[in-house]
Amino acid sequence: MARVVIPGAMRAAAGGQAVVEVEGSRLKQVIENLCRRHPDLRPLILDEDGSLHHHLAVFVDGVEVRAGAGLFAEVESDSEVILAPALSGG
């Protein structure tokens, strides 16, 4: 199962867990399974249309997937998925 790393700001919505093991061969499946287990994470990860929230950066095995394959990025059984609040400034 993939290891999903939950940032500190989202851990309360994940029952206080820093890492959650989740099944799925695509990022979309991993996110859906994570949100089924911890429903309070859904609005923090996904927009209403089901796309990744624009204030969230997602990395699979160290590669940001938002600009690439997005939710259809492949996830291996030993992958690490990191959810990170996107930094912005002006």
N, C-alpha and C. Protein backbone atom coordinates (compact mmCIF):
# COMPACT_ATOMS: atom_id res chain seq x y z
N MET A 1 0.84 -1.19 0.00
CA MET A 1 0.00 0.00 0.00
C MET A 1 0.88 1.25 0.00
N ALA A 2 0.39 2.27 -0.64
CA ALA A 2 1.11 3.55 -0.68
C ALA A 2 1.05 4.21 0.69
N ARG A 3 2.11 4.93 1.01
CA ARG A 3 2.16 5.70 2.25
C ARG A 3 1.82 7.15 1.91
N VAL A 4 0.77 7.68 2.54
CA VAL A 4 0.37 9.06 2.33
C VAL A 4 0.81 9.86 3.55
N VAL A 5 1.65 10.87 3.31
CA VAL A 5 2.15 11.73 4.38
C VAL A 5 1.20 12.93 4.51
N ILE A 6 0.64 13.08 5.70
CA ILE A 6 -0.34 14.12 5.98
C ILE A 6 0.38 15.29 6.66
N PRO A 7 0.25 16.52 6.11
CA PRO A 7 0.90 17.66 6.76
C PRO A 7 0.24 17.99 8.10
N GLY A 8 1.00 18.64 8.96
CA GLY A 8 0.52 18.97 10.29
C GLY A 8 -0.82 19.68 10.31
N ALA A 9 -1.04 20.59 9.39
CA ALA A 9 -2.28 21.37 9.35
C ALA A 9 -3.50 20.52 9.01
N MET A 10 -3.29 19.33 8.45
CA MET A 10 -4.40 18.46 8.06
C MET A 10 -4.57 17.26 8.98
N ARG A 11 -3.68 17.08 9.92
CA ARG A 11 -3.68 15.86 10.72
C ARG A 11 -4.92 15.69 11.58
N ALA A 12 -5.49 16.78 12.07
CA ALA A 12 -6.71 16.65 12.87
C ALA A 12 -7.82 15.99 12.05
N ALA A 13 -7.89 16.32 10.75
CA ALA A 13 -8.90 15.73 9.86
C ALA A 13 -8.60 14.27 9.55
N ALA A 14 -7.38 13.83 9.84
CA ALA A 14 -6.97 12.44 9.60
C ALA A 14 -6.83 11.68 10.92
N GLY A 15 -7.55 12.12 11.93
CA GLY A 15 -7.49 11.43 13.22
C GLY A 15 -6.15 11.56 13.90
N GLY A 16 -5.41 12.61 13.57
CA GLY A 16 -4.11 12.85 14.19
C GLY A 16 -2.96 12.09 13.56
N GLN A 17 -3.24 11.33 12.51
CA GLN A 17 -2.20 10.51 11.88
C GLN A 17 -1.30 11.35 10.98
N ALA A 18 -0.01 11.06 11.03
CA ALA A 18 0.97 11.72 10.17
C ALA A 18 1.18 10.95 8.88
N VAL A 19 0.98 9.64 8.91
CA VAL A 19 1.15 8.77 7.75
C VAL A 19 -0.01 7.78 7.73
N VAL A 20 -0.62 7.62 6.55
CA VAL A 20 -1.72 6.68 6.39
C VAL A 20 -1.39 5.78 5.21
N GLU A 21 -1.49 4.48 5.38
CA GLU A 21 -1.28 3.55 4.28
C GLU A 21 -2.61 3.34 3.56
N VAL A 22 -2.58 3.51 2.22
CA VAL A 22 -3.80 3.49 1.42
C VAL A 22 -3.56 2.71 0.13
N GLU A 23 -4.55 1.97 -0.30
CA GLU A 23 -4.47 1.22 -1.55
C GLU A 23 -4.85 2.09 -2.73
N GLY A 24 -4.31 1.73 -3.91
CA GLY A 24 -4.66 2.39 -5.15
C GLY A 24 -3.50 2.37 -6.12
N SER A 25 -3.80 2.19 -7.40
CA SER A 25 -2.75 2.18 -8.41
C SER A 25 -2.64 3.52 -9.14
N ARG A 26 -3.59 4.39 -8.94
CA ARG A 26 -3.58 5.76 -9.46
C ARG A 26 -3.80 6.71 -8.29
N LEU A 27 -3.28 7.91 -8.42
CA LEU A 27 -3.43 8.89 -7.34
C LEU A 27 -4.90 9.11 -7.01
N LYS A 28 -5.75 9.14 -8.01
CA LYS A 28 -7.19 9.34 -7.78
C LYS A 28 -7.74 8.27 -6.84
N GLN A 29 -7.36 7.01 -7.04
CA GLN A 29 -7.82 5.93 -6.18
C GLN A 29 -7.28 6.08 -4.76
N VAL A 30 -6.02 6.45 -4.66
CA VAL A 30 -5.41 6.64 -3.34
C VAL A 30 -6.15 7.75 -2.59
N ILE A 31 -6.39 8.88 -3.26
CA ILE A 31 -7.07 10.01 -2.62
C ILE A 31 -8.50 9.62 -2.24
N GLU A 32 -9.21 8.94 -3.13
CA GLU A 32 -10.58 8.53 -2.83
C GLU A 32 -10.62 7.59 -1.63
N ASN A 33 -9.70 6.62 -1.58
CA ASN A 33 -9.66 5.70 -0.45
C ASN A 33 -9.28 6.41 0.84
N LEU A 34 -8.36 7.36 0.76
CA LEU A 34 -7.99 8.15 1.93
C LEU A 34 -9.19 8.95 2.44
N CYS A 35 -9.92 9.57 1.53
CA CYS A 35 -11.08 10.40 1.92
C CYS A 35 -12.24 9.55 2.43
N ARG A 36 -12.36 8.31 1.96
CA ARG A 36 -13.38 7.41 2.52
C ARG A 36 -13.06 7.10 3.98
N ARG A 37 -11.78 6.89 4.24
CA ARG A 37 -11.35 6.57 5.60
C ARG A 37 -11.42 7.80 6.51
N HIS A 38 -11.10 8.96 5.96
CA HIS A 38 -11.07 10.22 6.73
C HIS A 38 -11.85 11.28 5.94
N PRO A 39 -13.18 11.28 5.99
CA PRO A 39 -14.01 12.19 5.19
C PRO A 39 -13.71 13.68 5.39
N ASP A 40 -13.22 14.06 6.56
CA ASP A 40 -12.93 15.47 6.80
C ASP A 40 -11.75 15.98 5.96
N LEU A 41 -10.97 15.07 5.38
CA LEU A 41 -9.86 15.47 4.50
C LEU A 41 -10.35 15.91 3.13
N ARG A 42 -11.51 15.40 2.69
CA ARG A 42 -11.97 15.66 1.32
C ARG A 42 -11.94 17.16 0.94
N PRO A 43 -12.54 18.06 1.71
CA PRO A 43 -12.52 19.47 1.29
C PRO A 43 -11.14 20.11 1.37
N LEU A 44 -10.21 19.48 2.07
CA LEU A 44 -8.85 19.99 2.16
C LEU A 44 -8.00 19.54 0.99
N ILE A 45 -8.41 18.46 0.33
CA ILE A 45 -7.64 17.87 -0.77
C ILE A 45 -8.27 18.13 -2.13
N LEU A 46 -9.61 18.03 -2.20
CA LEU A 46 -10.30 18.11 -3.48
C LEU A 46 -11.24 19.31 -3.54
N ASP A 47 -11.31 19.93 -4.71
CA ASP A 47 -12.30 20.97 -4.96
C ASP A 47 -13.65 20.30 -5.18
N GLU A 48 -14.71 21.09 -5.25
CA GLU A 48 -16.06 20.56 -5.44
C GLU A 48 -16.19 19.74 -6.72
N ASP A 49 -15.40 20.07 -7.75
CA ASP A 49 -15.48 19.33 -9.02
C ASP A 49 -14.63 18.06 -9.01
N GLY A 50 -13.99 17.75 -7.89
CA GLY A 50 -13.20 16.54 -7.78
C GLY A 50 -11.75 16.69 -8.18
N SER A 51 -11.34 17.88 -8.58
CA SER A 51 -9.94 18.11 -8.93
C SER A 51 -9.14 18.44 -7.66
N LEU A 52 -7.83 18.31 -7.76
CA LEU A 52 -6.97 18.63 -6.62
C LEU A 52 -7.15 20.10 -6.23
N HIS A 53 -7.24 20.34 -4.95
CA HIS A 53 -7.38 21.71 -4.45
C HIS A 53 -6.19 22.54 -4.89
N HIS A 54 -6.44 23.76 -5.34
CA HIS A 54 -5.37 24.59 -5.89
C HIS A 54 -4.36 25.07 -4.85
N HIS A 55 -4.68 24.93 -3.57
CA HIS A 55 -3.73 25.32 -2.51
C HIS A 55 -2.98 24.11 -1.96
N LEU A 56 -2.95 23.03 -2.74
CA LEU A 56 -2.30 21.81 -2.29
C LEU A 56 -1.34 21.32 -3.36
N ALA A 57 -0.12 21.03 -2.95
CA ALA A 57 0.85 20.39 -3.85
C ALA A 57 0.90 18.92 -3.47
N VAL A 58 0.92 18.05 -4.48
CA VAL A 58 0.94 16.61 -4.24
C VAL A 58 2.16 16.03 -4.95
N PHE A 59 2.92 15.23 -4.22
CA PHE A 59 4.12 14.60 -4.76
C PHE A 59 3.99 13.09 -4.64
N VAL A 60 4.32 12.39 -5.71
CA VAL A 60 4.39 10.93 -5.69
C VAL A 60 5.85 10.56 -5.92
N ASP A 61 6.43 9.94 -4.94
CA ASP A 61 7.84 9.56 -4.99
C ASP A 61 8.74 10.74 -5.36
N GLY A 62 8.45 11.90 -4.76
CA GLY A 62 9.28 13.08 -4.93
C GLY A 62 9.00 13.92 -6.16
N VAL A 63 8.04 13.51 -6.99
CA VAL A 63 7.71 14.24 -8.22
C VAL A 63 6.34 14.88 -8.07
N GLU A 64 6.27 16.20 -8.26
CA GLU A 64 4.99 16.88 -8.17
C GLU A 64 4.10 16.43 -9.32
N VAL A 65 2.87 16.06 -9.02
CA VAL A 65 1.98 15.52 -10.04
C VAL A 65 0.92 16.51 -10.51
N ARG A 66 0.76 17.61 -9.85
CA ARG A 66 -0.29 18.58 -10.20
C ARG A 66 -0.19 19.03 -11.65
N ALA A 67 1.00 19.37 -12.10
CA ALA A 67 1.18 19.89 -13.46
C ALA A 67 1.27 18.76 -14.48
N GLY A 68 1.52 17.56 -14.04
CA GLY A 68 1.69 16.44 -14.96
C GLY A 68 0.42 15.64 -15.11
N ALA A 69 0.49 14.39 -14.72
CA ALA A 69 -0.63 13.47 -14.89
C ALA A 69 -1.76 13.73 -13.89
N GLY A 70 -1.52 14.58 -12.91
CA GLY A 70 -2.56 14.91 -11.94
C GLY A 70 -3.09 13.69 -11.22
N LEU A 71 -4.39 13.60 -11.12
CA LEU A 71 -5.01 12.50 -10.40
C LEU A 71 -4.80 11.14 -11.06
N PHE A 72 -4.34 11.12 -12.30
CA PHE A 72 -4.15 9.85 -13.00
C PHE A 72 -2.70 9.36 -12.93
N ALA A 73 -1.89 10.02 -12.11
CA ALA A 73 -0.51 9.59 -11.92
C ALA A 73 -0.49 8.19 -11.34
N GLU A 74 0.43 7.37 -11.81
CA GLU A 74 0.56 6.01 -11.30
C GLU A 74 1.16 6.03 -9.90
N VAL A 75 0.67 5.14 -9.07
CA VAL A 75 1.16 4.98 -7.71
C VAL A 75 1.49 3.51 -7.52
N GLU A 76 2.71 3.23 -7.11
CA GLU A 76 3.14 1.85 -6.86
C GLU A 76 2.78 1.46 -5.43
N SER A 77 2.81 0.18 -5.15
CA SER A 77 2.46 -0.29 -3.81
C SER A 77 3.43 0.21 -2.74
N ASP A 78 4.65 0.58 -3.15
CA ASP A 78 5.63 1.10 -2.18
C ASP A 78 5.86 2.60 -2.34
N SER A 79 4.96 3.29 -3.04
CA SER A 79 5.11 4.73 -3.27
C SER A 79 4.85 5.53 -2.01
N GLU A 80 5.45 6.72 -1.98
CA GLU A 80 5.18 7.69 -0.93
C GLU A 80 4.47 8.87 -1.58
N VAL A 81 3.30 9.19 -1.08
CA VAL A 81 2.51 10.32 -1.56
C VAL A 81 2.56 11.38 -0.48
N ILE A 82 3.02 12.56 -0.84
CA ILE A 82 3.12 13.65 0.13
C ILE A 82 2.12 14.74 -0.24
N LEU A 83 1.28 15.10 0.72
CA LEU A 83 0.36 16.21 0.58
C LEU A 83 1.01 17.41 1.25
N ALA A 84 1.15 18.50 0.52
CA ALA A 84 1.83 19.67 1.07
C ALA A 84 1.06 20.94 0.72
N PRO A 85 0.77 21.76 1.71
CA PRO A 85 0.13 23.04 1.40
C PRO A 85 1.03 23.82 0.44
N ALA A 86 0.46 24.28 -0.66
CA ALA A 86 1.23 25.04 -1.65
C ALA A 86 1.60 26.41 -1.08
N LEU A 87 2.81 26.81 -1.32
CA LEU A 87 3.28 28.11 -0.86
C LEU A 87 2.98 29.14 -1.93
N SER A 88 2.54 30.31 -1.50
CA SER A 88 2.31 31.39 -2.46
C SER A 88 2.66 32.70 -1.77
N GLY A 89 2.84 33.67 -2.56
CA GLY A 89 3.20 34.96 -2.00
C GLY A 89 3.05 36.04 -3.05
N GLY A 90 3.40 37.22 -2.68
CA GLY A 90 3.20 38.27 -3.65
C GLY A 90 4.02 39.48 -3.38
